[in-house]
Protein backbone atom coordinates (compact mmCIF):
# COMPACT_ATOMS: atom_id res chain seq x y z
CA MET A 1 8.05 20.14 -2.07
CA ARG A 2 4.48 19.99 -0.73
CA VAL A 3 3.88 16.75 0.08
CA ALA A 4 0.32 15.09 0.77
CA LEU A 5 -0.49 12.16 2.89
CA PHE A 6 -3.73 9.99 0.43
CA ALA A 7 -4.37 7.69 3.86
CA THR A 8 -7.34 5.65 1.39
CA CYS A 9 -9.94 4.82 3.07
CA PHE A 10 -9.19 1.69 3.55
CA ASN A 11 -6.55 3.00 6.35
CA ASP A 12 -7.93 5.51 7.63
CA THR A 13 -11.31 3.08 8.85
CA MET A 14 -9.67 0.20 9.45
CA TRP A 15 -5.49 0.50 9.99
CA PRO A 16 -4.80 4.51 10.98
CA GLU A 17 -1.67 3.51 12.25
CA THR A 18 -0.18 2.99 9.25
CA PRO A 19 -0.64 6.59 7.87
CA LYS A 20 0.53 7.84 11.07
CA ALA A 21 3.46 6.32 10.62
CA VAL A 22 4.40 7.89 7.03
CA VAL A 23 3.92 10.70 8.41
CA ARG A 24 6.15 9.85 11.57
CA LEU A 25 8.60 8.26 9.20
CA LEU A 26 8.41 10.94 6.42
CA GLU A 27 8.52 13.79 9.07
CA ARG A 28 12.07 12.20 10.53
CA LEU A 29 13.64 12.51 7.08
CA GLY A 30 12.88 15.96 6.99
CA VAL A 31 9.53 15.88 4.65
CA THR A 32 6.23 18.02 5.99
CA VAL A 33 3.48 16.25 5.43
CA GLU A 34 -0.48 17.72 4.85
CA PHE A 35 -3.12 15.87 4.56
CA PRO A 36 -5.93 17.44 2.73
CA GLN A 37 -8.97 16.95 5.40
CA ALA A 38 -11.23 16.35 1.55
CA GLN A 39 -10.25 13.81 0.67
CA THR A 40 -11.66 10.39 -0.05
CA CYS A 41 -12.17 7.02 -1.44
CA CYS A 42 -9.99 6.66 -4.93
CA GLY A 43 -12.88 4.75 -6.36
CA GLN A 44 -11.46 1.00 -6.58
CA MET A 45 -14.21 -0.84 -5.21
CA PHE A 46 -16.13 1.22 -7.68
CA THR A 47 -14.41 0.20 -10.68
CA ASN A 48 -13.40 -2.99 -10.09
CA THR A 49 -17.22 -4.31 -9.02
CA GLY A 50 -18.26 -2.41 -12.49
CA TYR A 51 -19.69 0.56 -11.19
CA ALA A 52 -17.38 2.77 -13.50
CA ASP A 53 -20.16 5.69 -13.70
CA GLU A 54 -20.55 5.54 -9.62
CA ALA A 55 -16.45 5.72 -9.26
CA ILE A 56 -16.13 9.27 -11.57
CA PRO A 57 -17.14 11.67 -8.73
CA GLY A 58 -14.36 10.34 -7.25
CA VAL A 59 -11.83 11.05 -9.61
CA ARG A 60 -13.08 14.39 -9.76
CA ARG A 61 -12.44 14.21 -5.90
CA PHE A 62 -9.27 13.20 -5.99
CA VAL A 63 -8.62 15.79 -8.53
CA ASP A 64 -9.94 19.09 -6.50
CA VAL A 65 -7.77 17.50 -3.88
CA PHE A 66 -4.52 16.73 -5.07
CA SER A 67 -3.39 18.74 -7.70
CA GLU A 68 -1.87 21.19 -6.09
CA TYR A 69 0.57 19.34 -4.24
CA ASP A 70 3.88 18.46 -5.87
CA ALA A 71 3.66 15.08 -4.51
CA VAL A 72 1.34 12.57 -3.13
CA VAL A 73 2.06 9.62 -0.82
CA ALA A 74 -0.04 6.74 -0.26
CA PRO A 75 0.46 3.51 2.02
CA SER A 76 -0.92 1.16 -0.52
CA GLY A 77 -0.23 -0.13 -3.79
CA SER A 78 -3.46 -1.12 -4.76
CA CYS A 79 -4.93 2.16 -4.24
CA VAL A 80 -1.51 4.33 -6.28
CA GLY A 81 -2.51 1.23 -9.01
CA SER A 82 -6.05 2.34 -9.22
CA VAL A 83 -5.26 6.11 -9.89
CA ARG A 84 -2.60 5.41 -11.98
CA HIS A 85 -4.52 3.04 -14.02
CA GLN A 86 -8.02 3.53 -13.89
CA HIS A 87 -8.44 7.69 -13.43
CA ALA A 88 -8.26 8.02 -16.64
CA ALA A 89 -10.14 5.56 -18.54
CA LEU A 90 -13.18 6.90 -15.89
CA ALA A 91 -12.57 10.76 -17.33
CA ASP A 92 -13.13 9.49 -20.81
CA ARG A 93 -15.81 7.39 -20.35
CA ALA A 94 -17.56 11.16 -17.90
CA GLY A 95 -16.56 12.47 -21.59
CA ASP A 96 -14.85 15.54 -19.84
CA ARG A 97 -11.26 16.51 -21.84
CA GLY A 98 -10.47 18.67 -18.69
CA LEU A 99 -10.93 16.53 -16.07
CA ARG A 100 -8.64 13.52 -18.46
CA SER A 101 -6.00 16.42 -18.78
CA ALA A 102 -6.57 17.09 -14.86
CA VAL A 103 -5.76 13.34 -14.17
CA ASP A 104 -2.98 12.75 -16.59
CA GLU A 105 -0.68 16.32 -15.11
CA LEU A 106 -1.58 14.66 -11.61
CA THR A 107 -0.87 11.30 -11.99
CA PRO A 108 2.64 11.14 -12.78
CA ARG A 109 3.12 12.75 -8.90
CA VAL A 110 1.27 9.86 -7.27
CA TYR A 111 3.26 7.96 -5.08
CA GLU A 112 2.83 4.23 -3.51
CA LEU A 113 5.04 4.62 -0.23
CA SER A 114 8.62 2.99 -1.38
CA GLU A 115 8.63 4.47 -4.43
CA PHE A 116 8.39 8.09 -3.33
CA LEU A 117 11.27 6.83 -0.38
CA VAL A 118 13.61 5.28 -3.18
CA ASP A 119 12.58 7.86 -6.15
CA VAL A 120 12.38 11.06 -4.98
CA LEU A 121 13.34 10.78 -1.82
CA GLY A 122 17.20 8.90 -3.26
CA VAL A 123 16.95 7.01 0.41
CA THR A 124 16.50 3.26 1.40
CA ASP A 125 18.28 4.00 4.66
CA VAL A 126 15.74 5.32 6.59
CA GLY A 127 17.14 5.42 10.48
CA ALA A 128 14.88 2.24 11.23
CA TYR A 129 15.56 -0.54 13.99
CA PHE A 130 13.12 -4.06 13.72
CA PRO A 131 15.45 -6.56 16.38
CA HIS A 132 13.20 -9.53 14.41
CA ARG A 133 12.90 -12.16 12.07
CA VAL A 134 11.12 -10.54 9.10
CA THR A 135 9.80 -11.97 5.88
CA TYR A 136 8.08 -10.02 2.68
CA HIS A 137 5.28 -10.53 0.51
CA PRO A 138 4.70 -8.30 -2.62
CA THR A 139 0.89 -7.46 -3.40
CA CYS A 140 -0.30 -8.33 -6.53
CA HIS A 141 -0.93 -4.31 -7.45
CA SER A 142 2.42 -3.31 -6.56
CA LEU A 143 4.19 -6.16 -7.66
CA ARG A 144 2.81 -6.54 -10.65
CA MET A 145 0.20 -3.13 -11.88
CA LEU A 146 3.36 -0.25 -9.55
CA ARG A 147 5.98 -2.76 -10.92
CA VAL A 148 8.01 -1.58 -7.65
CA GLY A 149 10.18 -4.29 -7.77
CA ASP A 150 12.38 -4.39 -4.73
CA ARG A 151 12.19 -1.25 -3.55
CA PRO A 152 10.37 -2.27 -0.16
CA LEU A 153 13.41 -4.84 0.05
CA ARG A 154 16.08 -2.36 -0.52
CA LEU A 155 14.26 -0.41 2.65
CA LEU A 156 13.82 -3.24 4.53
CA ARG A 157 17.29 -5.24 4.36
CA ALA A 158 18.67 -1.49 5.88
CA VAL A 159 17.00 -1.69 9.23
CA ARG A 160 18.67 -2.09 11.46
CA GLY A 161 18.21 -5.51 13.86
CA ILE A 162 16.00 -6.71 11.17
CA ASP A 163 16.36 -10.84 9.97
CA LEU A 164 14.93 -10.88 6.65
CA VAL A 165 14.26 -13.86 5.14
CA ASP A 166 12.58 -15.15 1.40
CA LEU A 167 9.55 -15.88 1.88
CA PRO A 168 8.41 -18.74 -0.61
CA ALA A 169 6.46 -18.65 -3.86
CA ALA A 170 6.64 -14.76 -2.89
CA ASP A 171 5.31 -13.86 -6.17
CA GLN A 172 1.92 -15.76 -5.90
CA CYS A 173 -1.12 -13.64 -5.27
CA CYS A 174 -2.59 -14.54 -1.68
CA GLY A 175 -6.57 -14.90 -2.87
CA PHE A 176 -7.77 -11.42 -1.27
CA GLY A 177 -8.49 -9.23 -4.95
CA GLY A 178 -10.93 -6.78 -3.10
CA THR A 179 -13.83 -8.23 -3.86
CA PHE A 180 -13.10 -11.16 -5.08
CA ALA A 181 -12.42 -12.52 -1.80
CA MET A 182 -16.64 -11.82 -1.35
CA LYS A 183 -17.55 -13.59 -5.04
CA ASN A 184 -15.44 -16.54 -4.71
CA ALA A 185 -14.35 -16.96 -0.89
CA ASP A 186 -13.33 -20.53 -1.66
CA VAL A 187 -10.63 -19.98 -4.13
CA SER A 188 -10.16 -17.05 -1.91
CA VAL A 189 -9.55 -18.97 1.17
CA ALA A 190 -7.26 -21.94 -0.46
CA MET A 191 -4.93 -19.37 -2.23
CA GLY A 192 -4.69 -17.98 0.89
CA MET A 193 -4.55 -21.06 2.83
CA ASP A 194 -1.06 -21.70 0.01
CA LYS A 195 0.46 -18.21 1.30
CA THR A 196 0.23 -18.92 4.84
CA ALA A 197 1.87 -22.09 4.30
CA CYS A 198 4.60 -20.27 2.63
CA VAL A 199 4.71 -17.85 5.64
CA ARG A 200 4.94 -20.74 8.51
CA GLU A 201 7.85 -22.07 6.71
CA THR A 202 10.12 -19.11 6.78
CA ASP A 203 9.48 -19.23 10.92
CA ALA A 204 9.66 -15.23 10.69
CA GLN A 205 7.74 -13.76 13.43
CA VAL A 206 5.98 -10.59 11.19
CA LEU A 207 5.07 -10.66 7.88
CA VAL A 208 5.16 -7.14 6.14
CA ALA A 209 4.28 -5.91 3.24
CA GLY A 210 2.56 -2.85 1.36
CA ASP A 211 -1.09 -3.40 1.27
CA ASN A 212 -2.79 -3.59 4.93
CA SER A 213 -5.86 -5.32 2.32
CA CYS A 214 -3.93 -7.96 1.48
CA LEU A 215 -1.92 -8.27 5.06
CA ALA A 216 -6.07 -8.04 6.73
CA HIS A 217 -6.95 -11.24 4.46
CA ILE A 218 -3.59 -13.45 5.28
CA GLY A 219 -3.73 -12.29 8.97
CA GLY A 220 -6.88 -13.50 9.67
CA LEU A 221 -5.85 -17.23 7.76
CA LEU A 222 -2.83 -16.92 10.41
CA SER A 223 -4.88 -15.85 13.01
CA LEU A 224 -7.19 -19.28 12.23
CA GLU A 225 -4.49 -21.14 12.40
CA LYS A 226 -2.53 -20.19 15.82
CA ALA A 227 0.47 -18.91 13.67
CA GLY A 228 1.98 -16.80 15.72
CA VAL A 229 2.58 -14.73 13.10
CA ARG A 230 1.52 -11.21 13.04
CA THR A 231 1.36 -8.86 10.07
CA LEU A 232 2.95 -5.35 10.04
CA HIS A 233 2.57 -2.20 6.96
CA LEU A 234 5.55 -1.70 5.40
CA ALA A 235 5.57 1.58 6.55
CA GLU A 236 4.76 0.94 10.04
CA ILE A 237 8.00 -1.32 10.60
CA LEU A 238 10.17 1.44 8.40
CA ALA A 239 8.81 3.91 11.37
CA SER A 240 9.97 2.13 13.69
CA THR A 241 13.59 3.14 16.22
CA GLU A 242 14.99 2.08 19.11
CA GLU A 243 12.83 5.02 21.12
CA ASP A 244 9.91 4.46 19.38
CA PRO A 245 9.65 0.29 18.62
CA ALA A 246 6.56 -1.63 16.41
């Protein structure tokens, strides 16, 4: 099986340790991972902001780069959600039947990390070790758009040494929402502060999620509150071992 890593532009630019963790994790599980150098943005930011025509070249590039692979894995429910739910509509907007056909053929092979681990590899115990008190925030795109369900929690529960505690009101949005946080800053911050209050209630040392975008928003507010809670992507916890702790 040929597997490609779709790092996403957000991670590649600001959190490169996350895609690196995905590679370490998958290679530990016996998967050879390729990183196509020609990959770029999925186009979500353009589409969500109303620049649909400007997003279409990104769809073409995504298809060109990843069509040859048996599976494409990304550490982002948000970006995978964009690929699955926006690319087909953008191909239709372009009036390109060939592009639409290529999108339809590729999309079922694009996976968020927890989906790939549980559904494709059939594993929940990935051999991780993380001796800390942790709480999990299910991001909106993974929860509502991809419906990953309890896959991330099943993976976390199998981590040795972890003290996993439930997050109150876990299904409530953190308020980030991409450009929503910039266009509606006051509302975004208020929602984020509701989320940080729930995080602090758990006495967790670490907040984990499957999207660094949401973690950036929540983590920034936790830092301003001097809460003493650090944020980590799910991939970094699952990649951690006694020899290489996160």
